[in-house]
Amino acid sequence: MDKRILIPTDFSKNALNATRYALDLYAKLNCEFYFVNVFRPDSYTTDSLLVPEPGSALYETSKLESEESFIKLMDMLELHHDNPKHTYHTISTFNFLSEAIKQTVANKDIDLVVMGTKGASRRMGVVFGSNTVNTMEKVTECPVLAVPEDIRFSTPKEIVFPTNYKTAFKRKELRYLMEIAKMHQTSIRFLYVSKDHELNPSQENNQKLLGDILESVDYSFHTLSEKSVAKGLNSFVESRGSDLIAFINHKHFFFGSVFSKPLVKEIGYDATVPILALH
């Protein structure tokens, strides 16, 4: 069965970059790409009492603009990304972005969501925009890959996976991680950031389980003595020139503690690599 990938787009440079990254990352697989654009009439705000109805001039004009932008995008992809393994579908919808994503994931049986990071205010060090953060937290049916605007695709050689080994891993949770690793002969580096280097028996068992699950790919375990997980992860990725960060979003705890916007702002995390949130 073809892999089904959803790419929300507002036709910006940021969204186009995420699109290119996804097409290149999965160039070797048969894929169906679903592009969704949420259109909003210029005069409509969330405070408006009147919601534009299908058939109204305001609604139809905005929908037509979305569809015309899709025609341009499809022409561009056909010109620069002509891959016989890939097929494209477009969806123009009047909706909230989070709802449009969740509906499309459910209706089209989506395997992966790919989106740009869309930093609302880079000056403030907030590289992950609210749309990206909300999607990574709320879409739990499939993984979400966030691609920074300045990242150009190159074959990923190393994926960093931060973990505290406190939760037992399941093979299905790591399926997409292993798929990418096998597709591109990518190494996976598990990173434990803690002042206490010693693992307790439960953590040791979970580490061993990880090794059993990933025996078919290249992996290694690493430990950093650092109080802040985010700082340790950041320095590890920068020092090694790693290509991607992946983590399992268990009940929002890990996401909230590492990638929440206040912490991003605090450490000035500049999202130098794409981030894959698994569930």
C-alpha atoms as a PDB file:
ATOM      1  CA  MET A   1       0.000   0.000   0.000  1.00  0.00           C
ATOM      2  CA  ASP A   2       1.197   3.506  -0.799  1.00  0.00           C
ATOM      3  CA  LYS A   3       2.319   5.729   2.046  1.00  0.00           C
ATOM      4  CA  ARG A   4      -0.067   8.616   2.595  1.00  0.00           C
ATOM      5  CA  ILE A   5       1.509  11.911   3.616  1.00  0.00           C
ATOM      6  CA  LEU A   6      -0.354  15.096   4.544  1.00  0.00           C
ATOM      7  CA  ILE A   7       1.255  18.499   3.972  1.00  0.00           C
ATOM      8  CA  PRO A   8      -0.646  21.565   5.268  1.00  0.00           C
ATOM      9  CA  THR A   9       0.263  24.552   3.108  1.00  0.00           C
ATOM     10  CA  ASP A  10      -0.363  28.287   2.987  1.00  0.00           C
ATOM     11  CA  PHE A  11       1.739  28.496  -0.213  1.00  0.00           C
ATOM     12  CA  SER A  12       4.526  30.281   1.663  1.00  0.00           C
ATOM     13  CA  LYS A  13       8.252  29.714   1.221  1.00  0.00           C
ATOM     14  CA  ASN A  14       8.207  27.932   4.571  1.00  0.00           C
ATOM     15  CA  ALA A  15       5.499  25.466   3.443  1.00  0.00           C
ATOM     16  CA  LEU A  16       7.157  24.922   0.060  1.00  0.00           C
ATOM     17  CA  ASN A  17      10.429  24.048   1.763  1.00  0.00           C
ATOM     18  CA  ALA A  18       8.683  21.437   3.942  1.00  0.00           C
ATOM     19  CA  THR A  19       7.063  20.034   0.791  1.00  0.00           C
ATOM     20  CA  ARG A  20      10.402  19.669  -0.989  1.00  0.00           C
ATOM     21  CA  TYR A  21      11.923  18.002   2.052  1.00  0.00           C
ATOM     22  CA  ALA A  22       9.095  15.449   2.243  1.00  0.00           C
ATOM     23  CA  LEU A  23       9.256  14.657  -1.484  1.00  0.00           C
ATOM     24  CA  ASP A  24      13.013  14.076  -1.272  1.00  0.00           C
ATOM     25  CA  LEU A  25      12.887  12.120   1.998  1.00  0.00           C
ATOM     26  CA  TYR A  26      10.365   9.685   0.520  1.00  0.00           C
ATOM     27  CA  ALA A  27      11.617   9.785  -3.074  1.00  0.00           C
ATOM     28  CA  LYS A  28      12.149   6.005  -3.097  1.00  0.00           C
ATOM     29  CA  LEU A  29       8.669   5.052  -1.867  1.00  0.00           C
ATOM     30  CA  ASN A  30       5.292   4.999  -3.580  1.00  0.00           C
ATOM     31  CA  CYS A  31       3.466   7.879  -1.900  1.00  0.00           C
ATOM     32  CA  GLU A  32       0.202   9.751  -2.106  1.00  0.00           C
ATOM     33  CA  PHE A  33       0.653  13.346  -0.983  1.00  0.00           C
ATOM     34  CA  TYR A  34      -2.396  15.220   0.285  1.00  0.00           C
ATOM     35  CA  PHE A  35      -2.003  18.996   0.374  1.00  0.00           C
ATOM     36  CA  VAL A  36      -4.521  20.883   2.503  1.00  0.00           C
ATOM     37  CA  ASN A  37      -5.006  24.645   2.433  1.00  0.00           C
ATOM     38  CA  VAL A  38      -7.239  26.382   4.949  1.00  0.00           C
ATOM     39  CA  PHE A  39      -8.661  29.473   3.286  1.00  0.00           C
ATOM     40  CA  ARG A  40     -10.118  32.443   5.109  1.00  0.00           C
ATOM     41  CA  PRO A  41     -11.854  35.429   3.498  1.00  0.00           C
ATOM     42  CA  ASP A  42      -9.862  38.606   4.207  1.00  0.00           C
ATOM     43  CA  SER A  43     -12.770  40.285   5.978  1.00  0.00           C
ATOM     44  CA  TYR A  44     -13.529  37.262   8.165  1.00  0.00           C
ATOM     45  CA  THR A  45     -12.147  37.073  11.701  1.00  0.00           C
ATOM     46  CA  THR A  46     -12.860  34.702  14.567  1.00  0.00           C
ATOM     47  CA  ASP A  47     -14.851  37.544  16.140  1.00  0.00           C
ATOM     48  CA  SER A  48     -17.245  37.722  13.197  1.00  0.00           C
ATOM     49  CA  LEU A  49     -20.796  36.692  13.896  1.00  0.00           C
ATOM     50  CA  LEU A  50     -21.405  35.825  10.249  1.00  0.00           C
ATOM     51  CA  VAL A  51     -19.571  32.768   8.933  1.00  0.00           C
ATOM     52  CA  PRO A  52     -19.311  32.827   5.112  1.00  0.00           C
ATOM     53  CA  GLU A  53     -21.513  30.138   3.589  1.00  0.00           C
ATOM     54  CA  PRO A  54     -20.614  28.013   0.560  1.00  0.00           C
ATOM     55  CA  GLY A  55     -22.133  29.795  -2.428  1.00  0.00           C
ATOM     56  CA  SER A  56     -21.647  33.283  -1.004  1.00  0.00           C
ATOM     57  CA  ALA A  57     -19.415  35.632  -2.988  1.00  0.00           C
ATOM     58  CA  LEU A  58     -16.939  35.952  -0.107  1.00  0.00           C
ATOM     59  CA  TYR A  59     -16.622  32.196   0.354  1.00  0.00           C
ATOM     60  CA  GLU A  60     -16.368  31.342  -3.328  1.00  0.00           C
ATOM     61  CA  THR A  61     -13.785  34.060  -4.047  1.00  0.00           C
ATOM     62  CA  SER A  62     -11.545  32.810  -1.236  1.00  0.00           C
ATOM     63  CA  LYS A  63     -11.970  29.189  -2.328  1.00  0.00           C
ATOM     64  CA  LEU A  64     -11.094  30.093  -5.915  1.00  0.00           C
ATOM     65  CA  GLU A  65      -7.903  31.847  -4.765  1.00  0.00           C
ATOM     66  CA  SER A  66      -6.907  28.703  -2.861  1.00  0.00           C
ATOM     67  CA  GLU A  67      -7.601  26.453  -5.859  1.00  0.00           C
ATOM     68  CA  GLU A  68      -5.668  28.737  -8.226  1.00  0.00           C
ATOM     69  CA  SER A  69      -2.695  28.690  -5.853  1.00  0.00           C
ATOM     70  CA  PHE A  70      -2.861  24.892  -5.882  1.00  0.00           C
ATOM     71  CA  ILE A  71      -2.738  24.865  -9.697  1.00  0.00           C
ATOM     72  CA  LYS A  72       0.487  26.898  -9.566  1.00  0.00           C
ATOM     73  CA  LEU A  73       1.934  24.602  -6.874  1.00  0.00           C
ATOM     74  CA  MET A  74       1.098  21.445  -8.836  1.00  0.00           C
ATOM     75  CA  ASP A  75       2.658  22.926 -11.995  1.00  0.00           C
ATOM     76  CA  MET A  76       5.822  23.739 -10.068  1.00  0.00           C
ATOM     77  CA  LEU A  77       6.009  20.238  -8.527  1.00  0.00           C
ATOM     78  CA  GLU A  78       5.435  18.621 -11.906  1.00  0.00           C
ATOM     79  CA  LEU A  79       8.300  20.672 -13.324  1.00  0.00           C
ATOM     80  CA  HIS A  80      10.824  20.167 -10.511  1.00  0.00           C
ATOM     81  CA  HIS A  81       9.689  16.992  -8.698  1.00  0.00           C
ATOM     82  CA  ASP A  82       8.433  14.693 -11.425  1.00  0.00           C
ATOM     83  CA  ASN A  83       8.553  11.350  -9.585  1.00  0.00           C
ATOM     84  CA  PRO A  84       6.454   8.484 -11.059  1.00  0.00           C
ATOM     85  CA  LYS A  85       6.209   7.022  -7.544  1.00  0.00           C
ATOM     86  CA  HIS A  86       4.333  10.093  -6.250  1.00  0.00           C
ATOM     87  CA  THR A  87       0.745  11.229  -6.766  1.00  0.00           C
ATOM     88  CA  TYR A  88      -0.712  14.510  -5.514  1.00  0.00           C
ATOM     89  CA  HIS A  89      -4.153  15.463  -4.165  1.00  0.00           C
ATOM     90  CA  THR A  90      -5.296  18.943  -3.109  1.00  0.00           C
ATOM     91  CA  ILE A  91      -7.890  19.986  -0.529  1.00  0.00           C
ATOM     92  CA  SER A  92      -9.151  23.563  -0.115  1.00  0.00           C
ATOM     93  CA  THR A  93     -11.257  23.971   3.012  1.00  0.00           C
ATOM     94  CA  PHE A  94     -12.778  26.705   5.163  1.00  0.00           C
ATOM     95  CA  ASN A  95     -11.823  25.482   8.616  1.00  0.00           C
ATOM     96  CA  PHE A  96      -9.458  25.840  11.522  1.00  0.00           C
ATOM     97  CA  LEU A  97      -6.051  24.375  10.649  1.00  0.00           C
ATOM     98  CA  SER A  98      -6.017  21.879  13.540  1.00  0.00           C
ATOM     99  CA  GLU A  99      -9.479  20.596  12.596  1.00  0.00           C
ATOM    100  CA  ALA A 100      -8.610  20.383   8.907  1.00  0.00           C
ATOM    101  CA  ILE A 101      -5.500  18.334   9.737  1.00  0.00           C
ATOM    102  CA  LYS A 102      -7.329  15.971  12.108  1.00  0.00           C
ATOM    103  CA  GLN A 103     -10.197  15.451   9.645  1.00  0.00           C
ATOM    104  CA  THR A 104      -7.846  14.727   6.748  1.00  0.00           C
ATOM    105  CA  VAL A 105      -5.738  12.358   8.856  1.00  0.00           C
ATOM    106  CA  ALA A 106      -8.895  10.419   9.725  1.00  0.00           C
ATOM    107  CA  ASN A 107     -10.643  10.549   6.335  1.00  0.00           C
ATOM    108  CA  LYS A 108      -7.593   9.723   4.217  1.00  0.00           C
ATOM    109  CA  ASP A 109      -5.875   7.306   6.625  1.00  0.00           C
ATOM    110  CA  ILE A 110      -2.754   9.498   6.702  1.00  0.00           C
ATOM    111  CA  ASP A 111       0.582   7.934   7.772  1.00  0.00           C
ATOM    112  CA  LEU A 112       2.595  11.112   8.365  1.00  0.00           C
ATOM    113  CA  VAL A 113       2.046  14.887   8.612  1.00  0.00           C
ATOM    114  CA  VAL A 114       4.867  17.134   7.337  1.00  0.00           C
ATOM    115  CA  MET A 115       4.823  20.891   7.945  1.00  0.00           C
ATOM    116  CA  GLY A 116       7.091  23.903   8.136  1.00  0.00           C
ATOM    117  CA  THR A 117       7.995  25.268  11.549  1.00  0.00           C
ATOM    118  CA  LYS A 118       6.626  28.728  10.765  1.00  0.00           C
ATOM    119  CA  GLY A 119       8.294  30.679  13.565  1.00  0.00           C
ATOM    120  CA  ALA A 120       5.917  33.464  14.541  1.00  0.00           C
ATOM    121  CA  SER A 121       8.744  35.690  15.785  1.00  0.00           C
ATOM    122  CA  ARG A 122      12.311  34.679  15.134  1.00  0.00           C
ATOM    123  CA  ARG A 123      13.552  37.760  16.935  1.00  0.00           C
ATOM    124  CA  MET A 124      12.134  36.304  20.140  1.00  0.00           C
ATOM    125  CA  GLY A 125      13.789  32.961  19.568  1.00  0.00           C
ATOM    126  CA  VAL A 126      10.428  31.278  18.958  1.00  0.00           C
ATOM    127  CA  VAL A 127      11.223  29.125  15.972  1.00  0.00           C
ATOM    128  CA  PHE A 128       8.340  26.735  16.456  1.00  0.00           C
ATOM    129  CA  GLY A 129       5.140  28.596  15.639  1.00  0.00           C
ATOM    130  CA  SER A 130       1.926  27.854  17.515  1.00  0.00           C
ATOM    131  CA  ASN A 131       0.436  25.930  14.573  1.00  0.00           C
ATOM    132  CA  THR A 132       3.386  23.541  14.520  1.00  0.00           C
ATOM    133  CA  VAL A 133       3.450  23.077  18.293  1.00  0.00           C
ATOM    134  CA  ASN A 134      -0.325  22.474  18.402  1.00  0.00           C
ATOM    135  CA  THR A 135      -0.141  19.938  15.584  1.00  0.00           C
ATOM    136  CA  MET A 136       2.749  18.045  17.183  1.00  0.00           C
ATOM    137  CA  GLU A 137       0.855  17.906  20.471  1.00  0.00           C
ATOM    138  CA  LYS A 138      -2.675  17.216  19.256  1.00  0.00           C
ATOM    139  CA  VAL A 139      -2.259  14.929  16.249  1.00  0.00           C
ATOM    140  CA  THR A 140      -1.719  11.586  17.963  1.00  0.00           C
ATOM    141  CA  GLU A 141      -2.903   9.259  15.192  1.00  0.00           C
ATOM    142  CA  CYS A 142       0.341   9.516  13.210  1.00  0.00           C
ATOM    143  CA  PRO A 143       3.846  11.041  13.412  1.00  0.00           C
ATOM    144  CA  VAL A 144       4.420  14.733  12.679  1.00  0.00           C
ATOM    145  CA  LEU A 145       7.611  15.973  11.004  1.00  0.00           C
ATOM    146  CA  ALA A 146       8.455  19.682  11.408  1.00  0.00           C
ATOM    147  CA  VAL A 147      10.949  21.122   8.916  1.00  0.00           C
ATOM    148  CA  PRO A 148      12.733  24.445   9.644  1.00  0.00           C
ATOM    149  CA  GLU A 149      12.535  27.016   6.857  1.00  0.00           C
ATOM    150  CA  ASP A 150      16.269  27.152   6.140  1.00  0.00           C
ATOM    151  CA  ILE A 151      16.812  23.383   5.944  1.00  0.00           C
ATOM    152  CA  ARG A 152      17.605  21.912   2.546  1.00  0.00           C
ATOM    153  CA  PHE A 153      17.280  18.169   2.124  1.00  0.00           C
ATOM    154  CA  SER A 154      20.375  16.028   2.245  1.00  0.00           C
ATOM    155  CA  THR A 155      20.362  12.302   2.867  1.00  0.00           C
ATOM    156  CA  PRO A 156      20.096  11.928   6.656  1.00  0.00           C
ATOM    157  CA  LYS A 157      23.176  10.200   8.042  1.00  0.00           C
ATOM    158  CA  GLU A 158      22.333  10.487  11.749  1.00  0.00           C
ATOM    159  CA  ILE A 159      19.113  10.746  13.784  1.00  0.00           C
ATOM    160  CA  VAL A 160      19.314  11.718  17.463  1.00  0.00           C
ATOM    161  CA  PHE A 161      16.698  10.184  19.757  1.00  0.00           C
ATOM    162  CA  PRO A 162      16.643  11.699  23.277  1.00  0.00           C
ATOM    163  CA  THR A 163      15.267   9.340  25.944  1.00  0.00           C
ATOM    164  CA  ASN A 164      15.351   8.804  29.700  1.00  0.00           C
ATOM    165  CA  TYR A 165      14.655   5.050  29.300  1.00  0.00           C
ATOM    166  CA  LYS A 166      11.818   5.312  31.827  1.00  0.00           C
ATOM    167  CA  THR A 167       9.205   3.920  29.436  1.00  0.00           C
ATOM    168  CA  ALA A 168       9.209   0.559  27.694  1.00  0.00           C
ATOM    169  CA  PHE A 169       9.310   0.975  23.928  1.00  0.00           C
ATOM    170  CA  LYS A 170       6.988  -0.722  21.459  1.00  0.00           C
ATOM    171  CA  ARG A 171       8.032  -1.806  18.004  1.00  0.00           C
ATOM    172  CA  LYS A 172       5.085  -0.004  16.357  1.00  0.00           C
ATOM    173  CA  GLU A 173       6.097   3.297  18.005  1.00  0.00           C
ATOM    174  CA  LEU A 174       9.463   3.157  16.276  1.00  0.00           C
ATOM    175  CA  ARG A 175       8.212   1.909  12.898  1.00  0.00           C
ATOM    176  CA  TYR A 176       8.628   5.232  11.038  1.00  0.00           C
ATOM    177  CA  LEU A 177      12.005   5.871  12.623  1.00  0.00           C
ATOM    178  CA  MET A 178      13.255   2.483  11.425  1.00  0.00           C
ATOM    179  CA  GLU A 179      11.714   3.016   8.008  1.00  0.00           C
ATOM    180  CA  ILE A 180      13.698   6.229   7.483  1.00  0.00           C
ATOM    181  CA  ALA A 181      16.862   4.611   8.861  1.00  0.00           C
ATOM    182  CA  LYS A 182      16.590   1.639   6.480  1.00  0.00           C
ATOM    183  CA  MET A 183      15.628   3.795   3.495  1.00  0.00           C
ATOM    184  CA  HIS A 184      18.678   6.041   3.796  1.00  0.00           C
ATOM    185  CA  GLN A 185      21.129   3.811   5.756  1.00  0.00           C
ATOM    186  CA  THR A 186      20.826   6.296   8.621  1.00  0.00           C
ATOM    187  CA  SER A 187      22.380   5.728  12.059  1.00  0.00           C
ATOM    188  CA  ILE A 188      20.282   6.296  15.201  1.00  0.00           C
ATOM    189  CA  ARG A 189      21.950   7.784  18.303  1.00  0.00           C
ATOM    190  CA  PHE A 190      20.046   7.400  21.578  1.00  0.00           C
ATOM    191  CA  LEU A 191      20.884  10.230  23.936  1.00  0.00           C
ATOM    192  CA  TYR A 192      20.432  10.100  27.711  1.00  0.00           C
ATOM    193  CA  VAL A 193      20.889  13.531  29.306  1.00  0.00           C
ATOM    194  CA  SER A 194      21.258  13.325  33.088  1.00  0.00           C
ATOM    195  CA  LYS A 195      23.505  14.341  35.963  1.00  0.00           C
ATOM    196  CA  ASP A 196      23.228  10.744  37.154  1.00  0.00           C
ATOM    197  CA  HIS A 197      24.922   8.494  34.607  1.00  0.00           C
ATOM    198  CA  GLU A 198      23.822   5.265  36.274  1.00  0.00           C
ATOM    199  CA  LEU A 199      20.685   3.563  34.925  1.00  0.00           C
ATOM    200  CA  ASN A 200      18.458   1.679  37.339  1.00  0.00           C
ATOM    201  CA  PRO A 201      17.442  -1.939  36.489  1.00  0.00           C
ATOM    202  CA  SER A 202      14.178  -0.808  34.852  1.00  0.00           C
ATOM    203  CA  GLN A 203      15.996   1.704  32.659  1.00  0.00           C
ATOM    204  CA  GLU A 204      18.586  -0.909  31.725  1.00  0.00           C
ATOM    205  CA  ASN A 205      15.811  -3.286  30.645  1.00  0.00           C
ATOM    206  CA  ASN A 206      14.211  -0.593  28.511  1.00  0.00           C
ATOM    207  CA  GLN A 207      17.566   0.221  26.930  1.00  0.00           C
ATOM    208  CA  LYS A 208      18.083  -3.455  26.099  1.00  0.00           C
ATOM    209  CA  LEU A 209      14.583  -3.617  24.607  1.00  0.00           C
ATOM    210  CA  LEU A 210      15.472  -0.671  22.363  1.00  0.00           C
ATOM    211  CA  GLY A 211      18.519  -2.546  21.142  1.00  0.00           C
ATOM    212  CA  ASP A 212      16.414  -5.638  20.409  1.00  0.00           C
ATOM    213  CA  ILE A 213      13.862  -3.625  18.420  1.00  0.00           C
ATOM    214  CA  LEU A 214      16.505  -1.808  16.377  1.00  0.00           C
ATOM    215  CA  GLU A 215      18.851  -4.725  15.757  1.00  0.00           C
ATOM    216  CA  SER A 216      18.362  -4.380  11.979  1.00  0.00           C
ATOM    217  CA  VAL A 217      19.687  -0.784  11.846  1.00  0.00           C
ATOM    218  CA  ASP A 218      22.857   0.963  13.005  1.00  0.00           C
ATOM    219  CA  TYR A 219      22.428   2.477  16.475  1.00  0.00           C
ATOM    220  CA  SER A 220      24.433   3.456  19.544  1.00  0.00           C
ATOM    221  CA  PHE A 221      23.801   4.737  23.091  1.00  0.00           C
ATOM    222  CA  HIS A 222      25.207   8.030  24.381  1.00  0.00           C
ATOM    223  CA  THR A 223      25.110   9.822  27.749  1.00  0.00           C
ATOM    224  CA  LEU A 224      25.607  13.504  28.518  1.00  0.00           C
ATOM    225  CA  SER A 225      26.056  14.958  31.989  1.00  0.00           C
ATOM    226  CA  GLU A 226      23.853  18.029  31.759  1.00  0.00           C
ATOM    227  CA  LYS A 227      21.038  19.341  33.934  1.00  0.00           C
ATOM    228  CA  SER A 228      18.995  20.675  31.009  1.00  0.00           C
ATOM    229  CA  VAL A 229      17.783  18.081  28.505  1.00  0.00           C
ATOM    230  CA  ALA A 230      17.261  20.759  25.866  1.00  0.00           C
ATOM    231  CA  LYS A 231      20.786  22.194  26.233  1.00  0.00           C
ATOM    232  CA  GLY A 232      22.342  18.741  26.176  1.00  0.00           C
ATOM    233  CA  LEU A 233      20.356  17.749  23.096  1.00  0.00           C
ATOM    234  CA  ASN A 234      21.169  21.002  21.342  1.00  0.00           C
ATOM    235  CA  SER A 235      24.915  20.741  21.958  1.00  0.00           C
ATOM    236  CA  PHE A 236      24.978  17.051  20.961  1.00  0.00           C
ATOM    237  CA  VAL A 237      23.239  17.750  17.647  1.00  0.00           C
ATOM    238  CA  GLU A 238      25.429  20.772  16.889  1.00  0.00           C
ATOM    239  CA  SER A 239      28.726  19.083  17.764  1.00  0.00           C
ATOM    240  CA  ARG A 240      28.000  16.050  15.581  1.00  0.00           C
ATOM    241  CA  GLY A 241      26.181  17.758  12.713  1.00  0.00           C
ATOM    242  CA  SER A 242      23.217  15.415  13.178  1.00  0.00           C
ATOM    243  CA  ASP A 243      20.454  15.554  10.568  1.00  0.00           C
ATOM    244  CA  LEU A 244      17.230  14.973  12.479  1.00  0.00           C
ATOM    245  CA  ILE A 245      15.809  14.723  16.007  1.00  0.00           C
ATOM    246  CA  ALA A 246      13.134  12.127  16.794  1.00  0.00           C
ATOM    247  CA  PHE A 247      11.285  11.508  20.040  1.00  0.00           C
ATOM    248  CA  ILE A 248       8.190   9.769  21.355  1.00  0.00           C
ATOM    249  CA  ASN A 249       5.615  12.208  22.655  1.00  0.00           C
ATOM    250  CA  HIS A 250       4.364  10.345  25.734  1.00  0.00           C
ATOM    251  CA  LYS A 251       1.323  12.149  27.139  1.00  0.00           C
ATOM    252  CA  HIS A 252       2.824  15.519  26.162  1.00  0.00           C
ATOM    253  CA  PHE A 253       5.286  15.297  29.051  1.00  0.00           C
ATOM    254  CA  PHE A 254       8.478  15.059  27.063  1.00  0.00           C
ATOM    255  CA  PHE A 255       7.302  17.480  24.397  1.00  0.00           C
ATOM    256  CA  GLY A 256       6.304  20.005  27.012  1.00  0.00           C
ATOM    257  CA  SER A 257       9.580  19.740  28.867  1.00  0.00           C
ATOM    258  CA  VAL A 258      11.879  20.034  25.864  1.00  0.00           C
ATOM    259  CA  PHE A 259      10.190  21.717  22.933  1.00  0.00           C
ATOM    260  CA  SER A 260       7.591  23.979  24.513  1.00  0.00           C
ATOM    261  CA  LYS A 261       7.871  27.560  23.322  1.00  0.00           C
ATOM    262  CA  PRO A 262       8.901  29.097  26.665  1.00  0.00           C
ATOM    263  CA  LEU A 263      11.894  26.761  26.818  1.00  0.00           C
ATOM    264  CA  VAL A 264      12.682  27.307  23.152  1.00  0.00           C
ATOM    265  CA  LYS A 265      12.674  31.015  23.893  1.00  0.00           C
ATOM    266  CA  GLU A 266      14.801  30.558  26.995  1.00  0.00           C
ATOM    267  CA  ILE A 267      17.613  28.673  25.291  1.00  0.00           C
ATOM    268  CA  GLY A 268      17.219  30.322  21.873  1.00  0.00           C
ATOM    269  CA  TYR A 269      16.849  26.925  20.237  1.00  0.00           C
ATOM    270  CA  ASP A 270      17.239  27.659  16.559  1.00  0.00           C
ATOM    271  CA  ALA A 271      15.721  24.483  15.087  1.00  0.00           C
ATOM    272  CA  THR A 272      18.713  23.663  12.952  1.00  0.00           C
ATOM    273  CA  VAL A 273      17.351  20.214  12.058  1.00  0.00           C
ATOM    274  CA  PRO A 274      13.912  18.744  11.358  1.00  0.00           C
ATOM    275  CA  ILE A 275      12.079  17.184  14.299  1.00  0.00           C
ATOM    276  CA  LEU A 276       9.974  14.018  14.111  1.00  0.00           C
ATOM    277  CA  ALA A 277       7.337  13.586  16.838  1.00  0.00           C
ATOM    278  CA  LEU A 278       6.288   9.956  17.210  1.00  0.00           C
ATOM    279  CA  HIS A 279       3.318   8.787  19.244  1.00  0.00           C
END
